[in-house]
Structures are given as structure tokens and as C-alpha cells.
Amino acid sequence: MTPIAQAGGTPYLEVHHRVPLAENGEDTVENAFAICPNCHRKAHDGQAPFVIYDSRSLSQGRLASFLIG
């Protein structure tokens, strides 16, 4: 569960684009992932980079990851 919750306790996540929309990235599921608001701010503020694991790749028998930030 995300550490950020909406009223009523529903988890709150934001969408981050691997290739930013401002850099002609597509607004597609393949170019986006859900991330907690705290990590999203860190990614855009250029704070220490961190790794995102792409769970969609698990269904293909591999674990993909990439660095953001």
C-alpha cells in the first residue's frame, strides 16, 4: 500500500512517464507507470536516482528495471 491515501483510506498514486510528454513521449500505458507522490516529486526534482521495477515483465519470465531521477 502506498504511504499516501485519499480521504477514506484509498491509496493515491500518480502517473510518471518514462519519456516525458514534453520530450515527445507518448501518453500510453507502455510509457507510463504508477508511482507514489513522494517518489514522483523526487523524480522531477532531480533528487537521488532510484530504480523502478516493471512488474509487467514478470509475466514474460523476466524482471525489467530502469533508473529514473
N, C-alpha and C. Protein backbone atom coordinates (compact mmCIF):
# COMPACT_ATOMS: atom_id res chain seq x y z
N MET A 1 0.84 -1.19 0.00
CA MET A 1 0.00 0.00 0.00
C MET A 1 0.88 1.24 0.00
N THR A 2 0.47 2.22 -0.74
CA THR A 2 1.20 3.48 -0.81
C THR A 2 1.08 4.23 0.51
N PRO A 3 2.11 5.00 0.88
CA PRO A 3 2.01 5.77 2.13
C PRO A 3 1.08 6.97 2.02
N ILE A 4 0.64 7.29 0.83
CA ILE A 4 -0.26 8.41 0.62
C ILE A 4 -1.66 7.85 0.37
N ALA A 5 -2.65 8.39 1.08
CA ALA A 5 -4.01 7.91 0.91
C ALA A 5 -4.96 9.09 0.76
N GLN A 6 -6.01 8.86 0.00
CA GLN A 6 -7.07 9.85 -0.15
C GLN A 6 -7.99 9.75 1.07
N ALA A 7 -8.93 10.66 1.16
CA ALA A 7 -9.93 10.57 2.21
C ALA A 7 -10.60 9.21 2.12
N GLY A 8 -10.79 8.56 3.23
CA GLY A 8 -11.40 7.24 3.23
C GLY A 8 -10.37 6.12 3.14
N GLY A 9 -9.08 6.47 3.01
CA GLY A 9 -8.03 5.46 3.02
C GLY A 9 -7.67 4.86 1.68
N THR A 10 -8.31 5.30 0.60
CA THR A 10 -7.98 4.77 -0.73
C THR A 10 -6.58 5.21 -1.12
N PRO A 11 -5.71 4.26 -1.53
CA PRO A 11 -4.35 4.63 -1.92
C PRO A 11 -4.36 5.61 -3.09
N TYR A 12 -3.37 6.51 -3.08
CA TYR A 12 -3.25 7.52 -4.12
C TYR A 12 -1.91 7.36 -4.82
N LEU A 13 -1.93 7.19 -6.11
CA LEU A 13 -0.72 7.11 -6.92
C LEU A 13 -0.81 8.12 -8.06
N GLU A 14 0.35 8.49 -8.58
CA GLU A 14 0.42 9.40 -9.72
C GLU A 14 1.05 8.68 -10.91
N VAL A 15 0.84 9.20 -12.09
CA VAL A 15 1.42 8.61 -13.30
C VAL A 15 2.70 9.35 -13.65
N HIS A 16 3.77 8.58 -13.88
CA HIS A 16 5.04 9.14 -14.32
C HIS A 16 5.35 8.54 -15.68
N HIS A 17 5.84 9.36 -16.59
CA HIS A 17 6.16 8.90 -17.94
C HIS A 17 7.66 8.63 -18.05
N ARG A 18 8.02 7.48 -18.59
CA ARG A 18 9.43 7.14 -18.80
C ARG A 18 10.09 8.18 -19.70
N VAL A 19 9.48 8.43 -20.85
CA VAL A 19 9.92 9.51 -21.73
C VAL A 19 8.91 10.63 -21.53
N PRO A 20 9.33 11.76 -20.95
CA PRO A 20 8.39 12.84 -20.64
C PRO A 20 7.57 13.30 -21.85
N LEU A 21 6.35 13.67 -21.58
CA LEU A 21 5.49 14.18 -22.64
C LEU A 21 6.11 15.40 -23.30
N ALA A 22 6.81 16.22 -22.51
CA ALA A 22 7.46 17.42 -23.03
C ALA A 22 8.60 17.10 -23.99
N GLU A 23 9.07 15.84 -23.93
CA GLU A 23 10.13 15.40 -24.84
C GLU A 23 9.56 14.47 -25.90
N ASN A 24 8.30 14.69 -26.23
CA ASN A 24 7.57 13.92 -27.25
C ASN A 24 7.33 12.47 -26.87
N GLY A 25 7.33 12.17 -25.56
CA GLY A 25 6.97 10.84 -25.11
C GLY A 25 5.47 10.63 -25.32
N GLU A 26 5.10 9.39 -25.55
CA GLU A 26 3.69 9.08 -25.79
C GLU A 26 2.95 8.91 -24.47
N ASP A 27 1.68 9.29 -24.48
CA ASP A 27 0.83 9.12 -23.30
C ASP A 27 0.15 7.76 -23.41
N THR A 28 0.96 6.71 -23.22
CA THR A 28 0.48 5.33 -23.37
C THR A 28 0.83 4.54 -22.11
N VAL A 29 0.20 3.39 -21.97
CA VAL A 29 0.48 2.51 -20.83
C VAL A 29 1.94 2.06 -20.87
N GLU A 30 2.47 1.80 -22.05
CA GLU A 30 3.85 1.35 -22.18
C GLU A 30 4.86 2.41 -21.73
N ASN A 31 4.49 3.67 -21.80
CA ASN A 31 5.39 4.76 -21.43
C ASN A 31 5.08 5.34 -20.05
N ALA A 32 4.20 4.70 -19.31
CA ALA A 32 3.78 5.27 -18.03
C ALA A 32 3.74 4.20 -16.95
N PHE A 33 3.88 4.64 -15.71
CA PHE A 33 3.72 3.73 -14.58
C PHE A 33 3.22 4.53 -13.39
N ALA A 34 2.62 3.82 -12.45
CA ALA A 34 2.10 4.45 -11.23
C ALA A 34 3.22 4.52 -10.20
N ILE A 35 3.28 5.66 -9.53
CA ILE A 35 4.34 5.89 -8.54
C ILE A 35 3.75 6.74 -7.41
N CYS A 36 4.24 6.55 -6.21
CA CYS A 36 3.71 7.34 -5.10
C CYS A 36 4.10 8.81 -5.29
N PRO A 37 3.28 9.72 -4.78
CA PRO A 37 3.56 11.15 -4.97
C PRO A 37 4.93 11.59 -4.46
N ASN A 38 5.40 11.01 -3.36
CA ASN A 38 6.71 11.39 -2.83
C ASN A 38 7.83 11.04 -3.81
N CYS A 39 7.78 9.84 -4.34
CA CYS A 39 8.80 9.42 -5.32
C CYS A 39 8.66 10.20 -6.62
N HIS A 40 7.43 10.53 -6.99
CA HIS A 40 7.20 11.30 -8.21
C HIS A 40 7.86 12.67 -8.09
N ARG A 41 7.72 13.32 -6.95
CA ARG A 41 8.37 14.62 -6.74
C ARG A 41 9.87 14.48 -6.82
N LYS A 42 10.42 13.43 -6.20
CA LYS A 42 11.87 13.21 -6.24
C LYS A 42 12.35 13.03 -7.68
N ALA A 43 11.60 12.30 -8.47
CA ALA A 43 11.98 12.08 -9.86
C ALA A 43 12.04 13.39 -10.64
N HIS A 44 11.08 14.27 -10.43
CA HIS A 44 11.04 15.53 -11.16
C HIS A 44 11.96 16.59 -10.58
N ASP A 45 12.30 16.47 -9.29
CA ASP A 45 13.18 17.45 -8.66
C ASP A 45 14.65 17.11 -8.84
N GLY A 46 14.92 15.97 -9.48
CA GLY A 46 16.31 15.58 -9.74
C GLY A 46 17.04 15.10 -8.51
N GLN A 47 16.31 14.66 -7.50
CA GLN A 47 16.95 14.12 -6.31
C GLN A 47 17.56 12.77 -6.66
N ALA A 48 18.19 12.15 -5.69
CA ALA A 48 18.91 10.90 -5.93
C ALA A 48 18.10 9.96 -6.80
N PRO A 49 18.73 9.41 -7.84
CA PRO A 49 18.00 8.48 -8.72
C PRO A 49 17.62 7.21 -7.98
N PHE A 50 16.59 6.56 -8.47
CA PHE A 50 16.18 5.29 -7.90
C PHE A 50 15.68 4.39 -9.00
N VAL A 51 15.54 3.11 -8.69
CA VAL A 51 15.19 2.10 -9.67
C VAL A 51 13.71 1.77 -9.57
N ILE A 52 13.06 1.66 -10.71
CA ILE A 52 11.68 1.21 -10.81
C ILE A 52 11.69 -0.18 -11.43
N TYR A 53 11.02 -1.11 -10.81
CA TYR A 53 10.91 -2.46 -11.35
C TYR A 53 9.59 -2.58 -12.09
N ASP A 54 9.66 -3.05 -13.30
CA ASP A 54 8.48 -3.17 -14.15
C ASP A 54 7.85 -4.55 -13.96
N SER A 55 6.80 -4.62 -13.17
CA SER A 55 6.17 -5.90 -12.86
C SER A 55 5.49 -6.52 -14.08
N ARG A 56 5.19 -5.71 -15.11
CA ARG A 56 4.58 -6.27 -16.33
C ARG A 56 5.50 -7.27 -16.99
N SER A 57 6.81 -7.11 -16.80
CA SER A 57 7.76 -8.02 -17.42
C SER A 57 7.76 -9.39 -16.75
N LEU A 58 7.24 -9.48 -15.52
CA LEU A 58 7.23 -10.77 -14.83
C LEU A 58 6.40 -11.81 -15.58
N SER A 59 5.34 -11.35 -16.23
CA SER A 59 4.52 -12.29 -16.99
C SER A 59 5.27 -12.85 -18.19
N GLN A 60 6.37 -12.20 -18.55
CA GLN A 60 7.20 -12.65 -19.68
C GLN A 60 8.44 -13.40 -19.17
N GLY A 61 8.46 -13.72 -17.88
CA GLY A 61 9.54 -14.50 -17.31
C GLY A 61 10.81 -13.72 -17.06
N ARG A 62 10.72 -12.41 -16.96
CA ARG A 62 11.91 -11.60 -16.69
C ARG A 62 11.51 -10.43 -15.80
N LEU A 63 12.49 -9.80 -15.21
CA LEU A 63 12.23 -8.62 -14.40
C LEU A 63 13.00 -7.46 -15.00
N ALA A 64 12.31 -6.52 -15.53
CA ALA A 64 12.94 -5.34 -16.13
C ALA A 64 12.99 -4.23 -15.08
N SER A 65 14.01 -3.44 -15.14
CA SER A 65 14.11 -2.29 -14.26
C SER A 65 14.75 -1.15 -15.03
N PHE A 66 14.53 0.06 -14.55
CA PHE A 66 15.15 1.21 -15.16
C PHE A 66 15.32 2.29 -14.12
N LEU A 67 16.29 3.14 -14.36
CA LEU A 67 16.65 4.20 -13.44
C LEU A 67 15.89 5.46 -13.79
N ILE A 68 15.33 6.11 -12.79
CA ILE A 68 14.71 7.42 -13.02
C ILE A 68 15.29 8.40 -12.02
N GLY A 69 15.10 9.67 -12.31
CA GLY A 69 15.54 10.69 -11.39
C GLY A 69 16.68 11.48 -11.91
